[in-house]
Each structure stands twice: as structure tokens, then as C-alpha cells.
Amino acid sequence: MNKKMIMLDTLSKGQKAKIKKIRTDGKLLRRLLDMGFVMNSEIEVIREAPLFDPMELKIQNYYISIRKSEASLIEVKI
């Protein structure tokens, strides 16, 4: 199976991936790390809001909602 790198905001409901890189710094990076967005963690898209923003994710047995703009900074491997 050929696994490829994409940005988290492009995943659909039910898709799973592993976090490979977070393309931000400062306060936003610290906030994402504090919420459990660490390298090699498995993440699953649970659902998206009606207008696709925000998206609900499951990571480390927690359910977290983040904006699509934040998800677009997280590179994942499917």
C-alpha cells in the first residue's frame, strides 16, 4: 500500500492518518501540542460541521474540534 502525505484538512469523515509535521510555531504550535497533536499520533476525522468548519477529530482517545485553517497546517500520512 502506497502511503502519501497530505494536509489534515483534506481528510474526509472516517479517514485515519498519522501526524507527521505541524507547520506553525509559537502559541498555535504550543496549543496544538497541548491538545495532543504530537508526531506519529493516530488521528481520525469524526465529522465536519455543515459548512465544513470546524472539524471534529479523535486523537489519543479524546474528541477535539479545530478550525480548518488550523488543520491545514498539520501534515499527515494516510
PDB file of N, CA and C in Angstrom:
ATOM      1  N   MET A   1       0.840  -1.172   0.000  1.00  0.00           N
ATOM      2  CA  MET A   1       0.000   0.000   0.000  1.00  0.00           C
ATOM      3  C   MET A   1       0.890   1.241   0.000  1.00  0.00           C
ATOM      4  N   ASN A   2       0.646   2.134  -0.912  1.00  0.00           N
ATOM      5  CA  ASN A   2       1.432   3.354  -1.036  1.00  0.00           C
ATOM      6  C   ASN A   2       0.820   4.439  -0.156  1.00  0.00           C
ATOM      7  N   LYS A   3       1.522   4.804   0.911  1.00  0.00           N
ATOM      8  CA  LYS A   3       1.020   5.834   1.810  1.00  0.00           C
ATOM      9  C   LYS A   3       1.536   7.179   1.342  1.00  0.00           C
ATOM     10  N   LYS A   4       0.660   8.194   1.430  1.00  0.00           N
ATOM     11  CA  LYS A   4       1.079   9.509   0.964  1.00  0.00           C
ATOM     12  C   LYS A   4       0.832  10.565   2.027  1.00  0.00           C
ATOM     13  N   MET A   5       1.551  11.668   1.878  1.00  0.00           N
ATOM     14  CA  MET A   5       1.448  12.785   2.798  1.00  0.00           C
ATOM     15  C   MET A   5       0.440  13.789   2.253  1.00  0.00           C
ATOM     16  N   ILE A   6      -0.485  14.207   3.120  1.00  0.00           N
ATOM     17  CA  ILE A   6      -1.465  15.233   2.768  1.00  0.00           C
ATOM     18  C   ILE A   6      -1.692  16.112   3.997  1.00  0.00           C
ATOM     19  N   MET A   7      -2.455  17.164   3.829  1.00  0.00           N
ATOM     20  CA  MET A   7      -2.774  18.031   4.954  1.00  0.00           C
ATOM     21  C   MET A   7      -4.062  17.530   5.612  1.00  0.00           C
ATOM     22  N   LEU A   8      -4.148  17.671   6.912  1.00  0.00           N
ATOM     23  CA  LEU A   8      -5.263  17.142   7.692  1.00  0.00           C
ATOM     24  C   LEU A   8      -6.615  17.665   7.212  1.00  0.00           C
ATOM     25  N   ASP A   9      -6.685  18.896   6.782  1.00  0.00           N
ATOM     26  CA  ASP A   9      -7.972  19.469   6.373  1.00  0.00           C
ATOM     27  C   ASP A   9      -8.561  18.813   5.129  1.00  0.00           C
ATOM     28  N   THR A  10      -7.780  18.000   4.412  1.00  0.00           N
ATOM     29  CA  THR A  10      -8.288  17.344   3.201  1.00  0.00           C
ATOM     30  C   THR A  10      -8.881  15.963   3.483  1.00  0.00           C
ATOM     31  N   LEU A  11      -8.755  15.469   4.713  1.00  0.00           N
ATOM     32  CA  LEU A  11      -9.328  14.168   5.050  1.00  0.00           C
ATOM     33  C   LEU A  11     -10.846  14.251   5.132  1.00  0.00           C
ATOM     34  N   SER A  12     -11.496  13.132   4.870  1.00  0.00           N
ATOM     35  CA  SER A  12     -12.953  13.036   4.941  1.00  0.00           C
ATOM     36  C   SER A  12     -13.366  12.280   6.192  1.00  0.00           C
ATOM     37  N   LYS A  13     -14.645  12.363   6.509  1.00  0.00           N
ATOM     38  CA  LYS A  13     -15.211  11.662   7.663  1.00  0.00           C
ATOM     39  C   LYS A  13     -14.839  10.181   7.621  1.00  0.00           C
ATOM     40  N   GLY A  14     -14.332   9.676   8.744  1.00  0.00           N
ATOM     41  CA  GLY A  14     -13.977   8.270   8.855  1.00  0.00           C
ATOM     42  C   GLY A  14     -12.542   7.940   8.486  1.00  0.00           C
ATOM     43  N   GLN A  15     -11.840   8.854   7.829  1.00  0.00           N
ATOM     44  CA  GLN A  15     -10.454   8.585   7.446  1.00  0.00           C
ATOM     45  C   GLN A  15      -9.531   8.712   8.653  1.00  0.00           C
ATOM     46  N   LYS A  16      -8.505   7.862   8.667  1.00  0.00           N
ATOM     47  CA  LYS A  16      -7.491   7.885   9.722  1.00  0.00           C
ATOM     48  C   LYS A  16      -6.136   8.186   9.109  1.00  0.00           C
ATOM     49  N   ALA A  17      -5.277   8.803   9.905  1.00  0.00           N
ATOM     50  CA  ALA A  17      -3.931   9.138   9.443  1.00  0.00           C
ATOM     51  C   ALA A  17      -3.026   9.304  10.655  1.00  0.00           C
ATOM     52  N   LYS A  18      -1.726   9.439  10.387  1.00  0.00           N
ATOM     53  CA  LYS A  18      -0.745   9.700  11.445  1.00  0.00           C
ATOM     54  C   LYS A  18      -0.144  11.079  11.235  1.00  0.00           C
ATOM     55  N   ILE A  19      -0.006  11.817  12.313  1.00  0.00           N
ATOM     56  CA  ILE A  19       0.572  13.159  12.249  1.00  0.00           C
ATOM     57  C   ILE A  19       2.065  13.051  11.970  1.00  0.00           C
ATOM     58  N   LYS A  20       2.534  13.797  10.967  1.00  0.00           N
ATOM     59  CA  LYS A  20       3.947  13.775  10.604  1.00  0.00           C
ATOM     60  C   LYS A  20       4.640  15.123  10.803  1.00  0.00           C
ATOM     61  N   LYS A  21       3.908  16.227  10.646  1.00  0.00           N
ATOM     62  CA  LYS A  21       4.547  17.541  10.788  1.00  0.00           C
ATOM     63  C   LYS A  21       3.482  18.592  11.061  1.00  0.00           C
ATOM     64  N   ILE A  22       3.826  19.559  11.913  1.00  0.00           N
ATOM     65  CA  ILE A  22       2.949  20.698  12.167  1.00  0.00           C
ATOM     66  C   ILE A  22       3.672  21.930  11.655  1.00  0.00           C
ATOM     67  N   ARG A  23       3.071  22.598  10.699  1.00  0.00           N
ATOM     68  CA  ARG A  23       3.715  23.719  10.011  1.00  0.00           C
ATOM     69  C   ARG A  23       3.318  25.070  10.610  1.00  0.00           C
ATOM     70  N   THR A  24       3.594  25.236  11.886  1.00  0.00           N
ATOM     71  CA  THR A  24       3.370  26.511  12.556  1.00  0.00           C
ATOM     72  C   THR A  24       4.333  26.602  13.733  1.00  0.00           C
ATOM     73  N   ASP A  25       4.294  27.714  14.431  1.00  0.00           N
ATOM     74  CA  ASP A  25       5.155  27.882  15.598  1.00  0.00           C
ATOM     75  C   ASP A  25       4.441  28.745  16.631  1.00  0.00           C
ATOM     76  N   GLY A  26       5.139  29.094  17.663  1.00  0.00           N
ATOM     77  CA  GLY A  26       4.599  29.994  18.673  1.00  0.00           C
ATOM     78  C   GLY A  26       3.414  29.429  19.440  1.00  0.00           C
ATOM     79  N   LYS A  27       2.461  30.311  19.747  1.00  0.00           N
ATOM     80  CA  LYS A  27       1.318  29.952  20.583  1.00  0.00           C
ATOM     81  C   LYS A  27       0.443  28.871  19.955  1.00  0.00           C
ATOM     82  N   LEU A  28       0.245  28.931  18.647  1.00  0.00           N
ATOM     83  CA  LEU A  28      -0.599  27.923  17.999  1.00  0.00           C
ATOM     84  C   LEU A  28       0.046  26.545  18.079  1.00  0.00           C
ATOM     85  N   LEU A  29       1.344  26.461  17.850  1.00  0.00           N
ATOM     86  CA  LEU A  29       2.035  25.175  17.965  1.00  0.00           C
ATOM     87  C   LEU A  29       1.905  24.635  19.388  1.00  0.00           C
ATOM     88  N   ARG A  30       2.136  25.476  20.379  1.00  0.00           N
ATOM     89  CA  ARG A  30       2.034  25.053  21.782  1.00  0.00           C
ATOM     90  C   ARG A  30       0.625  24.548  22.081  1.00  0.00           C
ATOM     91  N   ARG A  31      -0.402  25.253  21.587  1.00  0.00           N
ATOM     92  CA  ARG A  31      -1.792  24.861  21.837  1.00  0.00           C
ATOM     93  C   ARG A  31      -2.098  23.513  21.209  1.00  0.00           C
ATOM     94  N   LEU A  32      -1.651  23.308  19.957  1.00  0.00           N
ATOM     95  CA  LEU A  32      -1.884  22.030  19.281  1.00  0.00           C
ATOM     96  C   LEU A  32      -1.166  20.890  20.000  1.00  0.00           C
ATOM     97  N   LEU A  33       0.064  21.111  20.417  1.00  0.00           N
ATOM     98  CA  LEU A  33       0.805  20.088  21.156  1.00  0.00           C
ATOM     99  C   LEU A  33       0.111  19.764  22.478  1.00  0.00           C
ATOM    100  N   ASP A  34      -0.370  20.795  23.172  1.00  0.00           N
ATOM    101  CA  ASP A  34      -1.073  20.586  24.444  1.00  0.00           C
ATOM    102  C   ASP A  34      -2.359  19.781  24.257  1.00  0.00           C
ATOM    103  N   MET A  35      -2.994  19.899  23.092  1.00  0.00           N
ATOM    104  CA  MET A  35      -4.228  19.154  22.810  1.00  0.00           C
ATOM    105  C   MET A  35      -3.949  17.729  22.350  1.00  0.00           C
ATOM    106  N   GLY A  36      -2.669  17.373  22.178  1.00  0.00           N
ATOM    107  CA  GLY A  36      -2.337  16.002  21.809  1.00  0.00           C
ATOM    108  C   GLY A  36      -1.889  15.795  20.380  1.00  0.00           C
ATOM    109  N   PHE A  37      -1.723  16.864  19.626  1.00  0.00           N
ATOM    110  CA  PHE A  37      -1.276  16.760  18.236  1.00  0.00           C
ATOM    111  C   PHE A  37       0.245  16.605  18.206  1.00  0.00           C
ATOM    112  N   VAL A  38       0.712  15.409  18.527  1.00  0.00           N
ATOM    113  CA  VAL A  38       2.145  15.130  18.544  1.00  0.00           C
ATOM    114  C   VAL A  38       2.499  14.168  17.414  1.00  0.00           C
ATOM    115  N   MET A  39       3.743  14.190  17.003  1.00  0.00           N
ATOM    116  CA  MET A  39       4.194  13.381  15.876  1.00  0.00           C
ATOM    117  C   MET A  39       3.862  11.902  16.084  1.00  0.00           C
ATOM    118  N   ASN A  40       3.436  11.282  15.007  1.00  0.00           N
ATOM    119  CA  ASN A  40       3.100   9.854  14.934  1.00  0.00           C
ATOM    120  C   ASN A  40       1.841   9.449  15.689  1.00  0.00           C
ATOM    121  N   SER A  41       1.083  10.413  16.217  1.00  0.00           N
ATOM    122  CA  SER A  41      -0.203  10.087  16.832  1.00  0.00           C
ATOM    123  C   SER A  41      -1.216   9.795  15.737  1.00  0.00           C
ATOM    124  N   GLU A  42      -2.052   8.775  15.974  1.00  0.00           N
ATOM    125  CA  GLU A  42      -3.109   8.477  15.003  1.00  0.00           C
ATOM    126  C   GLU A  42      -4.275   9.429  15.241  1.00  0.00           C
ATOM    127  N   ILE A  43      -4.849   9.882  14.151  1.00  0.00           N
ATOM    128  CA  ILE A  43      -5.951  10.830  14.201  1.00  0.00           C
ATOM    129  C   ILE A  43      -7.046  10.343  13.266  1.00  0.00           C
ATOM    130  N   GLU A  44      -8.301  10.544  13.674  1.00  0.00           N
ATOM    131  CA  GLU A  44      -9.442  10.133  12.854  1.00  0.00           C
ATOM    132  C   GLU A  44     -10.413  11.293  12.740  1.00  0.00           C
ATOM    133  N   VAL A  45     -10.937  11.513  11.536  1.00  0.00           N
ATOM    134  CA  VAL A  45     -11.953  12.539  11.336  1.00  0.00           C
ATOM    135  C   VAL A  45     -13.299  11.934  11.730  1.00  0.00           C
ATOM    136  N   ILE A  46     -13.945  12.522  12.716  1.00  0.00           N
ATOM    137  CA  ILE A  46     -15.240  12.038  13.196  1.00  0.00           C
ATOM    138  C   ILE A  46     -16.373  12.679  12.402  1.00  0.00           C
ATOM    139  N   ARG A  47     -16.332  13.985  12.262  1.00  0.00           N
ATOM    140  CA  ARG A  47     -17.358  14.693  11.476  1.00  0.00           C
ATOM    141  C   ARG A  47     -16.903  16.116  11.187  1.00  0.00           C
ATOM    142  N   GLU A  48     -17.602  16.722  10.234  1.00  0.00           N
ATOM    143  CA  GLU A  48     -17.368  18.126   9.901  1.00  0.00           C
ATOM    144  C   GLU A  48     -18.670  18.882  10.112  1.00  0.00           C
ATOM    145  N   ALA A  49     -18.571  20.132  10.493  1.00  0.00           N
ATOM    146  CA  ALA A  49     -19.751  20.971  10.651  1.00  0.00           C
ATOM    147  C   ALA A  49     -20.428  21.144   9.292  1.00  0.00           C
ATOM    148  N   PRO A  50     -21.692  21.549   9.274  1.00  0.00           N
ATOM    149  CA  PRO A  50     -22.419  21.679   7.999  1.00  0.00           C
ATOM    150  C   PRO A  50     -21.695  22.504   6.931  1.00  0.00           C
ATOM    151  N   LEU A  51     -20.986  23.518   7.329  1.00  0.00           N
ATOM    152  CA  LEU A  51     -20.239  24.326   6.357  1.00  0.00           C
ATOM    153  C   LEU A  51     -18.764  23.939   6.353  1.00  0.00           C
ATOM    154  N   PHE A  52     -18.470  22.721   6.848  1.00  0.00           N
ATOM    155  CA  PHE A  52     -17.134  22.113   6.849  1.00  0.00           C
ATOM    156  C   PHE A  52     -16.140  22.773   7.795  1.00  0.00           C
ATOM    157  N   ASP A  53     -16.591  23.639   8.678  1.00  0.00           N
ATOM    158  CA  ASP A  53     -15.675  24.275   9.617  1.00  0.00           C
ATOM    159  C   ASP A  53     -16.402  24.514  10.927  1.00  0.00           C
ATOM    160  N   PRO A  54     -15.974  24.009  12.050  1.00  0.00           N
ATOM    161  CA  PRO A  54     -14.746  23.254  12.274  1.00  0.00           C
ATOM    162  C   PRO A  54     -14.926  21.767  11.972  1.00  0.00           C
ATOM    163  N   MET A  55     -13.870  20.997  12.235  1.00  0.00           N
ATOM    164  CA  MET A  55     -13.951  19.550  12.078  1.00  0.00           C
ATOM    165  C   MET A  55     -13.668  18.894  13.425  1.00  0.00           C
ATOM    166  N   GLU A  56     -14.408  17.802  13.696  1.00  0.00           N
ATOM    167  CA  GLU A  56     -14.212  17.067  14.943  1.00  0.00           C
ATOM    168  C   GLU A  56     -13.278  15.897  14.679  1.00  0.00           C
ATOM    169  N   LEU A  57     -12.287  15.753  15.537  1.00  0.00           N
ATOM    170  CA  LEU A  57     -11.261  14.726  15.376  1.00  0.00           C
ATOM    171  C   LEU A  57     -11.162  13.882  16.639  1.00  0.00           C
ATOM    172  N   LYS A  58     -10.712  12.653  16.471  1.00  0.00           N
ATOM    173  CA  LYS A  58     -10.395  11.799  17.620  1.00  0.00           C
ATOM    174  C   LYS A  58      -8.894  11.591  17.610  1.00  0.00           C
ATOM    175  N   ILE A  59      -8.265  11.953  18.723  1.00  0.00           N
ATOM    176  CA  ILE A  59      -6.823  11.798  18.855  1.00  0.00           C
ATOM    177  C   ILE A  59      -6.520  11.402  20.297  1.00  0.00           C
ATOM    178  N   GLN A  60      -5.774  10.328  20.466  1.00  0.00           N
ATOM    179  CA  GLN A  60      -5.407   9.808  21.787  1.00  0.00           C
ATOM    180  C   GLN A  60      -6.635   9.626  22.689  1.00  0.00           C
ATOM    181  N   ASN A  61      -7.707   9.059  22.123  1.00  0.00           N
ATOM    182  CA  ASN A  61      -8.970   8.790  22.832  1.00  0.00           C
ATOM    183  C   ASN A  61      -9.694  10.041  23.318  1.00  0.00           C
ATOM    184  N   TYR A  62      -9.393  11.193  22.728  1.00  0.00           N
ATOM    185  CA  TYR A  62     -10.095  12.439  23.014  1.00  0.00           C
ATOM    186  C   TYR A  62     -10.759  12.929  21.740  1.00  0.00           C
ATOM    187  N   TYR A  63     -11.878  13.626  21.905  1.00  0.00           N
ATOM    188  CA  TYR A  63     -12.565  14.242  20.774  1.00  0.00           C
ATOM    189  C   TYR A  63     -12.295  15.737  20.834  1.00  0.00           C
ATOM    190  N   ILE A  64     -11.761  16.268  19.744  1.00  0.00           N
ATOM    191  CA  ILE A  64     -11.331  17.664  19.692  1.00  0.00           C
ATOM    192  C   ILE A  64     -11.848  18.292  18.408  1.00  0.00           C
ATOM    193  N   SER A  65     -12.303  19.532  18.495  1.00  0.00           N
ATOM    194  CA  SER A  65     -12.702  20.279  17.303  1.00  0.00           C
ATOM    195  C   SER A  65     -11.670  21.364  17.035  1.00  0.00           C
ATOM    196  N   ILE A  66     -11.251  21.451  15.772  1.00  0.00           N
ATOM    197  CA  ILE A  66     -10.334  22.523  15.372  1.00  0.00           C
ATOM    198  C   ILE A  66     -10.828  23.132  14.065  1.00  0.00           C
ATOM    199  N   ARG A  67     -10.402  24.351  13.819  1.00  0.00           N
ATOM    200  CA  ARG A  67     -10.755  25.039  12.574  1.00  0.00           C
ATOM    201  C   ARG A  67     -10.032  24.401  11.395  1.00  0.00           C
ATOM    202  N   LYS A  68     -10.635  24.515  10.223  1.00  0.00           N
ATOM    203  CA  LYS A  68      -9.989  24.012   9.001  1.00  0.00           C
ATOM    204  C   LYS A  68      -8.666  24.735   8.770  1.00  0.00           C
ATOM    205  N   SER A  69      -8.602  26.023   9.108  1.00  0.00           N
ATOM    206  CA  SER A  69      -7.356  26.777   8.916  1.00  0.00           C
ATOM    207  C   SER A  69      -6.232  26.205   9.773  1.00  0.00           C
ATOM    208  N   GLU A  70      -6.567  25.691  10.953  1.00  0.00           N
ATOM    209  CA  GLU A  70      -5.559  25.050  11.800  1.00  0.00           C
ATOM    210  C   GLU A  70      -5.208  23.667  11.255  1.00  0.00           C
ATOM    211  N   ALA A  71      -6.224  22.929  10.809  1.00  0.00           N
ATOM    212  CA  ALA A  71      -5.995  21.590  10.250  1.00  0.00           C
ATOM    213  C   ALA A  71      -5.132  21.656   8.995  1.00  0.00           C
ATOM    214  N   SER A  72      -5.205  22.763   8.270  1.00  0.00           N
ATOM    215  CA  SER A  72      -4.421  22.896   7.037  1.00  0.00           C
ATOM    216  C   SER A  72      -2.925  23.041   7.314  1.00  0.00           C
ATOM    217  N   LEU A  73      -2.549  23.206   8.572  1.00  0.00           N
ATOM    218  CA  LEU A  73      -1.141  23.332   8.956  1.00  0.00           C
ATOM    219  C   LEU A  73      -0.541  22.014   9.436  1.00  0.00           C
ATOM    220  N   ILE A  74      -1.368  20.962   9.483  1.00  0.00           N
ATOM    221  CA  ILE A  74      -0.929  19.673  10.023  1.00  0.00           C
ATOM    222  C   ILE A  74      -0.791  18.668   8.885  1.00  0.00           C
ATOM    223  N   GLU A  75       0.441  18.219   8.671  1.00  0.00           N
ATOM    224  CA  GLU A  75       0.727  17.244   7.615  1.00  0.00           C
ATOM    225  C   GLU A  75       0.584  15.841   8.192  1.00  0.00           C
ATOM    226  N   VAL A  76      -0.176  14.993   7.471  1.00  0.00           N
ATOM    227  CA  VAL A  76      -0.431  13.630   7.938  1.00  0.00           C
ATOM    228  C   VAL A  76      -0.094  12.617   6.856  1.00  0.00           C
ATOM    229  N   LYS A  77       0.086  11.381   7.287  1.00  0.00           N
ATOM    230  CA  LYS A  77       0.345  10.276   6.363  1.00  0.00           C
ATOM    231  C   LYS A  77      -0.827   9.314   6.459  1.00  0.00           C
ATOM    232  N   ILE A  78      -1.435   9.017   5.282  1.00  0.00           N
ATOM    233  CA  ILE A  78      -2.571   8.086   5.282  1.00  0.00           C
ATOM    234  C   ILE A  78      -2.143   6.712   4.821  1.00  0.00           C
TER     235      ILE A  78
END
